[in-house]
Amino acid sequence: MNFLQEIGTRIRMLRKQCGLSQDDLARLAGYTSRSSINKIEKGLVDLPQSKISLIASALGVSPTYILYGDK
């Protein structure tokens, strides 16, 4: 699993734990559609730092956790 896939897996896990749909997270992170979140969760796109911060805030974790988990 590559780095982007690891980030996507963490985001998916946290999103589900928070009870959010991809649409919900997209809206909270400033995306216009859930397809952006879907691509992130699959590890298909890189995330700008600003979006990492917004996603982390929506999921109640730090940007560092999004990037590296518990490491």
PDB file of N, CA and C in Angstrom:
ATOM      1  N   MET A   1       0.856  -1.180   0.000  1.00  0.00           N
ATOM      2  CA  MET A   1       0.000   0.000   0.000  1.00  0.00           C
ATOM      3  C   MET A   1       0.901   1.243   0.000  1.00  0.00           C
ATOM      4  N   ASN A   2       0.625   2.170  -0.910  1.00  0.00           N
ATOM      5  CA  ASN A   2       1.443   3.378  -0.960  1.00  0.00           C
ATOM      6  C   ASN A   2       0.932   4.439   0.019  1.00  0.00           C
ATOM      7  N   PHE A   3       1.673   5.517   0.122  1.00  0.00           N
ATOM      8  CA  PHE A   3       1.377   6.576   1.090  1.00  0.00           C
ATOM      9  C   PHE A   3      -0.016   7.178   0.884  1.00  0.00           C
ATOM     10  N   LEU A   4      -0.394   7.460  -0.356  1.00  0.00           N
ATOM     11  CA  LEU A   4      -1.714   8.039  -0.618  1.00  0.00           C
ATOM     12  C   LEU A   4      -2.833   7.065  -0.264  1.00  0.00           C
ATOM     13  N   GLN A   5      -2.613   5.785  -0.496  1.00  0.00           N
ATOM     14  CA  GLN A   5      -3.615   4.787  -0.124  1.00  0.00           C
ATOM     15  C   GLN A   5      -3.752   4.692   1.392  1.00  0.00           C
ATOM     16  N   GLU A   6      -2.632   4.812   2.111  1.00  0.00           N
ATOM     17  CA  GLU A   6      -2.690   4.782   3.580  1.00  0.00           C
ATOM     18  C   GLU A   6      -3.497   5.974   4.103  1.00  0.00           C
ATOM     19  N   ILE A   7      -3.267   7.143   3.540  1.00  0.00           N
ATOM     20  CA  ILE A   7      -4.021   8.331   3.942  1.00  0.00           C
ATOM     21  C   ILE A   7      -5.507   8.106   3.657  1.00  0.00           C
ATOM     22  N   GLY A   8      -5.806   7.606   2.472  1.00  0.00           N
ATOM     23  CA  GLY A   8      -7.194   7.354   2.096  1.00  0.00           C
ATOM     24  C   GLY A   8      -7.874   6.357   3.008  1.00  0.00           C
ATOM     25  N   THR A   9      -7.165   5.317   3.380  1.00  0.00           N
ATOM     26  CA  THR A   9      -7.716   4.315   4.289  1.00  0.00           C
ATOM     27  C   THR A   9      -8.018   4.927   5.653  1.00  0.00           C
ATOM     28  N   ARG A  10      -7.109   5.752   6.154  1.00  0.00           N
ATOM     29  CA  ARG A  10      -7.342   6.430   7.442  1.00  0.00           C
ATOM     30  C   ARG A  10      -8.555   7.343   7.365  1.00  0.00           C
ATOM     31  N   ILE A  11      -8.650   8.105   6.282  1.00  0.00           N
ATOM     32  CA  ILE A  11      -9.783   9.020   6.128  1.00  0.00           C
ATOM     33  C   ILE A  11     -11.088   8.236   6.068  1.00  0.00           C
ATOM     34  N   ARG A  12     -11.122   7.151   5.311  1.00  0.00           N
ATOM     35  CA  ARG A  12     -12.340   6.336   5.216  1.00  0.00           C
ATOM     36  C   ARG A  12     -12.734   5.784   6.586  1.00  0.00           C
ATOM     37  N   MET A  13     -11.764   5.246   7.320  1.00  0.00           N
ATOM     38  CA  MET A  13     -12.032   4.681   8.637  1.00  0.00           C
ATOM     39  C   MET A  13     -12.597   5.751   9.582  1.00  0.00           C
ATOM     40  N   LEU A  14     -11.947   6.913   9.603  1.00  0.00           N
ATOM     41  CA  LEU A  14     -12.399   7.989  10.482  1.00  0.00           C
ATOM     42  C   LEU A  14     -13.772   8.510  10.070  1.00  0.00           C
ATOM     43  N   ARG A  15     -13.990   8.646   8.772  1.00  0.00           N
ATOM     44  CA  ARG A  15     -15.281   9.124   8.279  1.00  0.00           C
ATOM     45  C   ARG A  15     -16.402   8.211   8.737  1.00  0.00           C
ATOM     46  N   LYS A  16     -16.184   6.903   8.607  1.00  0.00           N
ATOM     47  CA  LYS A  16     -17.201   5.943   9.025  1.00  0.00           C
ATOM     48  C   LYS A  16     -17.411   5.971  10.538  1.00  0.00           C
ATOM     49  N   GLN A  17     -16.313   6.118  11.303  1.00  0.00           N
ATOM     50  CA  GLN A  17     -16.437   6.204  12.762  1.00  0.00           C
ATOM     51  C   GLN A  17     -17.243   7.431  13.175  1.00  0.00           C
ATOM     52  N   CYS A  18     -17.134   8.494  12.407  1.00  0.00           N
ATOM     53  CA  CYS A  18     -17.871   9.729  12.700  1.00  0.00           C
ATOM     54  C   CYS A  18     -19.307   9.684  12.174  1.00  0.00           C
ATOM     55  N   GLY A  19     -19.644   8.642  11.443  1.00  0.00           N
ATOM     56  CA  GLY A  19     -20.992   8.520  10.901  1.00  0.00           C
ATOM     57  C   GLY A  19     -21.265   9.477   9.752  1.00  0.00           C
ATOM     58  N   LEU A  20     -20.217   9.837   9.023  1.00  0.00           N
ATOM     59  CA  LEU A  20     -20.372  10.767   7.903  1.00  0.00           C
ATOM     60  C   LEU A  20     -20.384  10.015   6.583  1.00  0.00           C
ATOM     61  N   SER A  21     -21.179  10.500   5.658  1.00  0.00           N
ATOM     62  CA  SER A  21     -21.137   9.969   4.295  1.00  0.00           C
ATOM     63  C   SER A  21     -20.028  10.694   3.531  1.00  0.00           C
ATOM     64  N   GLN A  22     -19.709  10.198   2.367  1.00  0.00           N
ATOM     65  CA  GLN A  22     -18.741  10.898   1.527  1.00  0.00           C
ATOM     66  C   GLN A  22     -19.265  12.277   1.159  1.00  0.00           C
ATOM     67  N   ASP A  23     -20.576  12.391   0.930  1.00  0.00           N
ATOM     68  CA  ASP A  23     -21.178  13.701   0.647  1.00  0.00           C
ATOM     69  C   ASP A  23     -20.981  14.660   1.814  1.00  0.00           C
ATOM     70  N   ASP A  24     -21.199  14.168   3.041  1.00  0.00           N
ATOM     71  CA  ASP A  24     -21.039  15.009   4.236  1.00  0.00           C
ATOM     72  C   ASP A  24     -19.614  15.518   4.341  1.00  0.00           C
ATOM     73  N   LEU A  25     -18.646  14.610   4.202  1.00  0.00           N
ATOM     74  CA  LEU A  25     -17.248  15.010   4.331  1.00  0.00           C
ATOM     75  C   LEU A  25     -16.843  15.957   3.210  1.00  0.00           C
ATOM     76  N   ALA A  26     -17.333  15.713   2.010  1.00  0.00           N
ATOM     77  CA  ALA A  26     -17.029  16.606   0.887  1.00  0.00           C
ATOM     78  C   ALA A  26     -17.499  18.023   1.202  1.00  0.00           C
ATOM     79  N   ARG A  27     -18.712  18.138   1.692  1.00  0.00           N
ATOM     80  CA  ARG A  27     -19.263  19.454   2.031  1.00  0.00           C
ATOM     81  C   ARG A  27     -18.440  20.130   3.124  1.00  0.00           C
ATOM     82  N   LEU A  28     -18.083  19.386   4.173  1.00  0.00           N
ATOM     83  CA  LEU A  28     -17.313  19.957   5.280  1.00  0.00           C
ATOM     84  C   LEU A  28     -15.906  20.371   4.872  1.00  0.00           C
ATOM     85  N   ALA A  29     -15.367  19.691   3.861  1.00  0.00           N
ATOM     86  CA  ALA A  29     -13.999  19.976   3.414  1.00  0.00           C
ATOM     87  C   ALA A  29     -13.959  20.945   2.228  1.00  0.00           C
ATOM     88  N   GLY A  30     -15.127  21.411   1.799  1.00  0.00           N
ATOM     89  CA  GLY A  30     -15.154  22.404   0.732  1.00  0.00           C
ATOM     90  C   GLY A  30     -15.108  21.849  -0.680  1.00  0.00           C
ATOM     91  N   TYR A  31     -15.393  20.565  -0.828  1.00  0.00           N
ATOM     92  CA  TYR A  31     -15.476  19.979  -2.163  1.00  0.00           C
ATOM     93  C   TYR A  31     -16.908  20.092  -2.669  1.00  0.00           C
ATOM     94  N   THR A  32     -17.070  20.052  -3.981  1.00  0.00           N
ATOM     95  CA  THR A  32     -18.413  20.191  -4.546  1.00  0.00           C
ATOM     96  C   THR A  32     -19.129  18.857  -4.722  1.00  0.00           C
ATOM     97  N   SER A  33     -18.386  17.753  -4.683  1.00  0.00           N
ATOM     98  CA  SER A  33     -19.052  16.451  -4.834  1.00  0.00           C
ATOM     99  C   SER A  33     -18.320  15.365  -4.059  1.00  0.00           C
ATOM    100  N   ARG A  34     -19.034  14.292  -3.825  1.00  0.00           N
ATOM    101  CA  ARG A  34     -18.470  13.169  -3.083  1.00  0.00           C
ATOM    102  C   ARG A  34     -17.403  12.443  -3.876  1.00  0.00           C
ATOM    103  N   SER A  35     -17.391  12.615  -5.197  1.00  0.00           N
ATOM    104  CA  SER A  35     -16.397  11.906  -6.009  1.00  0.00           C
ATOM    105  C   SER A  35     -14.975  12.303  -5.621  1.00  0.00           C
ATOM    106  N   SER A  36     -14.799  13.520  -5.159  1.00  0.00           N
ATOM    107  CA  SER A  36     -13.470  13.948  -4.696  1.00  0.00           C
ATOM    108  C   SER A  36     -13.041  13.131  -3.487  1.00  0.00           C
ATOM    109  N   ILE A  37     -13.951  12.935  -2.545  1.00  0.00           N
ATOM    110  CA  ILE A  37     -13.643  12.139  -1.350  1.00  0.00           C
ATOM    111  C   ILE A  37     -13.414  10.685  -1.747  1.00  0.00           C
ATOM    112  N   ASN A  38     -14.198  10.189  -2.668  1.00  0.00           N
ATOM    113  CA  ASN A  38     -14.029   8.817  -3.147  1.00  0.00           C
ATOM    114  C   ASN A  38     -12.625   8.619  -3.721  1.00  0.00           C
ATOM    115  N   LYS A  39     -12.159   9.548  -4.528  1.00  0.00           N
ATOM    116  CA  LYS A  39     -10.822   9.452  -5.116  1.00  0.00           C
ATOM    117  C   LYS A  39      -9.735   9.538  -4.044  1.00  0.00           C
ATOM    118  N   ILE A  40      -9.947  10.395  -3.037  1.00  0.00           N
ATOM    119  CA  ILE A  40      -8.985  10.511  -1.939  1.00  0.00           C
ATOM    120  C   ILE A  40      -8.913   9.198  -1.168  1.00  0.00           C
ATOM    121  N   GLU A  41     -10.069   8.633  -0.851  1.00  0.00           N
ATOM    122  CA  GLU A  41     -10.110   7.393  -0.087  1.00  0.00           C
ATOM    123  C   GLU A  41      -9.491   6.219  -0.852  1.00  0.00           C
ATOM    124  N   LYS A  42      -9.519   6.259  -2.155  1.00  0.00           N
ATOM    125  CA  LYS A  42      -8.898   5.215  -2.964  1.00  0.00           C
ATOM    126  C   LYS A  42      -7.411   5.467  -3.195  1.00  0.00           C
ATOM    127  N   GLY A  43      -6.919   6.633  -2.755  1.00  0.00           N
ATOM    128  CA  GLY A  43      -5.508   6.950  -2.928  1.00  0.00           C
ATOM    129  C   GLY A  43      -5.148   7.355  -4.341  1.00  0.00           C
ATOM    130  N   LEU A  44      -6.110   7.893  -5.073  1.00  0.00           N
ATOM    131  CA  LEU A  44      -5.891   8.247  -6.468  1.00  0.00           C
ATOM    132  C   LEU A  44      -5.410   9.681  -6.665  1.00  0.00           C
ATOM    133  N   VAL A  45      -5.599  10.531  -5.672  1.00  0.00           N
ATOM    134  CA  VAL A  45      -5.206  11.942  -5.810  1.00  0.00           C
ATOM    135  C   VAL A  45      -4.411  12.391  -4.585  1.00  0.00           C
ATOM    136  N   ASP A  46      -3.537  13.329  -4.827  1.00  0.00           N
ATOM    137  CA  ASP A  46      -2.773  13.940  -3.735  1.00  0.00           C
ATOM    138  C   ASP A  46      -3.614  15.056  -3.128  1.00  0.00           C
ATOM    139  N   LEU A  47      -3.401  15.302  -1.864  1.00  0.00           N
ATOM    140  CA  LEU A  47      -4.174  16.320  -1.151  1.00  0.00           C
ATOM    141  C   LEU A  47      -3.339  17.565  -0.892  1.00  0.00           C
ATOM    142  N   PRO A  48      -3.886  18.743  -1.193  1.00  0.00           N
ATOM    143  CA  PRO A  48      -3.188  19.956  -0.775  1.00  0.00           C
ATOM    144  C   PRO A  48      -3.265  20.098   0.746  1.00  0.00           C
ATOM    145  N   GLN A  49      -2.293  20.775   1.298  1.00  0.00           N
ATOM    146  CA  GLN A  49      -2.218  20.947   2.753  1.00  0.00           C
ATOM    147  C   GLN A  49      -3.502  21.564   3.317  1.00  0.00           C
ATOM    148  N   SER A  50      -4.088  22.509   2.602  1.00  0.00           N
ATOM    149  CA  SER A  50      -5.309  23.158   3.091  1.00  0.00           C
ATOM    150  C   SER A  50      -6.455  22.163   3.227  1.00  0.00           C
ATOM    151  N   LYS A  51      -6.555  21.227   2.301  1.00  0.00           N
ATOM    152  CA  LYS A  51      -7.630  20.230   2.364  1.00  0.00           C
ATOM    153  C   LYS A  51      -7.368  19.215   3.471  1.00  0.00           C
ATOM    154  N   ILE A  52      -6.105  18.878   3.700  1.00  0.00           N
ATOM    155  CA  ILE A  52      -5.776  17.970   4.805  1.00  0.00           C
ATOM    156  C   ILE A  52      -6.254  18.576   6.112  1.00  0.00           C
ATOM    157  N   SER A  53      -6.024  19.858   6.292  1.00  0.00           N
ATOM    158  CA  SER A  53      -6.461  20.538   7.519  1.00  0.00           C
ATOM    159  C   SER A  53      -7.977  20.540   7.655  1.00  0.00           C
ATOM    160  N   LEU A  54      -8.687  20.817   6.564  1.00  0.00           N
ATOM    161  CA  LEU A  54     -10.152  20.834   6.614  1.00  0.00           C
ATOM    162  C   LEU A  54     -10.722  19.441   6.889  1.00  0.00           C
ATOM    163  N   ILE A  55     -10.171  18.434   6.249  1.00  0.00           N
ATOM    164  CA  ILE A  55     -10.642  17.062   6.462  1.00  0.00           C
ATOM    165  C   ILE A  55     -10.353  16.631   7.903  1.00  0.00           C
ATOM    166  N   ALA A  56      -9.151  16.931   8.380  1.00  0.00           N
ATOM    167  CA  ALA A  56      -8.795  16.577   9.757  1.00  0.00           C
ATOM    168  C   ALA A  56      -9.748  17.234  10.750  1.00  0.00           C
ATOM    169  N   SER A  57     -10.025  18.498  10.538  1.00  0.00           N
ATOM    170  CA  SER A  57     -10.944  19.221  11.429  1.00  0.00           C
ATOM    171  C   SER A  57     -12.335  18.590  11.403  1.00  0.00           C
ATOM    172  N   ALA A  58     -12.822  18.261  10.220  1.00  0.00           N
ATOM    173  CA  ALA A  58     -14.144  17.639  10.098  1.00  0.00           C
ATOM    174  C   ALA A  58     -14.205  16.284  10.786  1.00  0.00           C
ATOM    175  N   LEU A  59     -13.070  15.592  10.822  1.00  0.00           N
ATOM    176  CA  LEU A  59     -13.024  14.252  11.419  1.00  0.00           C
ATOM    177  C   LEU A  59     -12.560  14.261  12.875  1.00  0.00           C
ATOM    178  N   GLY A  60     -12.215  15.447  13.397  1.00  0.00           N
ATOM    179  CA  GLY A  60     -11.846  15.566  14.805  1.00  0.00           C
ATOM    180  C   GLY A  60     -10.465  15.037  15.143  1.00  0.00           C
ATOM    181  N   VAL A  61      -9.549  15.080  14.176  1.00  0.00           N
ATOM    182  CA  VAL A  61      -8.181  14.627  14.405  1.00  0.00           C
ATOM    183  C   VAL A  61      -7.212  15.695  13.907  1.00  0.00           C
ATOM    184  N   SER A  62      -5.934  15.487  14.165  1.00  0.00           N
ATOM    185  CA  SER A  62      -4.923  16.432  13.696  1.00  0.00           C
ATOM    186  C   SER A  62      -4.530  16.097  12.250  1.00  0.00           C
ATOM    187  N   PRO A  63      -4.032  17.092  11.527  1.00  0.00           N
ATOM    188  CA  PRO A  63      -3.510  16.809  10.183  1.00  0.00           C
ATOM    189  C   PRO A  63      -2.387  15.766  10.221  1.00  0.00           C
ATOM    190  N   THR A  64      -1.598  15.780  11.275  1.00  0.00           N
ATOM    191  CA  THR A  64      -0.512  14.790  11.408  1.00  0.00           C
ATOM    192  C   THR A  64      -1.082  13.382  11.465  1.00  0.00           C
ATOM    193  N   TYR A  65      -2.198  13.200  12.160  1.00  0.00           N
ATOM    194  CA  TYR A  65      -2.816  11.872  12.215  1.00  0.00           C
ATOM    195  C   TYR A  65      -3.289  11.446  10.835  1.00  0.00           C
ATOM    196  N   ILE A  66      -3.879  12.363  10.087  1.00  0.00           N
ATOM    197  CA  ILE A  66      -4.316  12.040   8.720  1.00  0.00           C
ATOM    198  C   ILE A  66      -3.123  11.543   7.903  1.00  0.00           C
ATOM    199  N   LEU A  67      -1.993  12.213   8.040  1.00  0.00           N
ATOM    200  CA  LEU A  67      -0.827  11.870   7.236  1.00  0.00           C
ATOM    201  C   LEU A  67      -0.111  10.614   7.710  1.00  0.00           C
ATOM    202  N   TYR A  68       0.044  10.450   9.020  1.00  0.00           N
ATOM    203  CA  TYR A  68       0.925   9.398   9.531  1.00  0.00           C
ATOM    204  C   TYR A  68       0.273   8.408  10.484  1.00  0.00           C
ATOM    205  N   GLY A  69      -0.937   8.636  10.897  1.00  0.00           N
ATOM    206  CA  GLY A  69      -1.576   7.732  11.842  1.00  0.00           C
ATOM    207  C   GLY A  69      -0.911   7.799  13.200  1.00  0.00           C
ATOM    208  N   ASP A  70      -0.766   6.669  13.846  1.00  0.00           N
ATOM    209  CA  ASP A  70      -0.191   6.610  15.194  1.00  0.00           C
ATOM    210  C   ASP A  70       1.313   6.473  15.198  1.00  0.00           C
ATOM    211  N   LYS A  71       1.940   6.508  14.037  1.00  0.00           N
ATOM    212  CA  LYS A  71       3.397   6.301  13.940  1.00  0.00           C
ATOM    213  C   LYS A  71       4.158   7.365  14.678  1.00  0.00           C
TER     214      LYS A  71
END
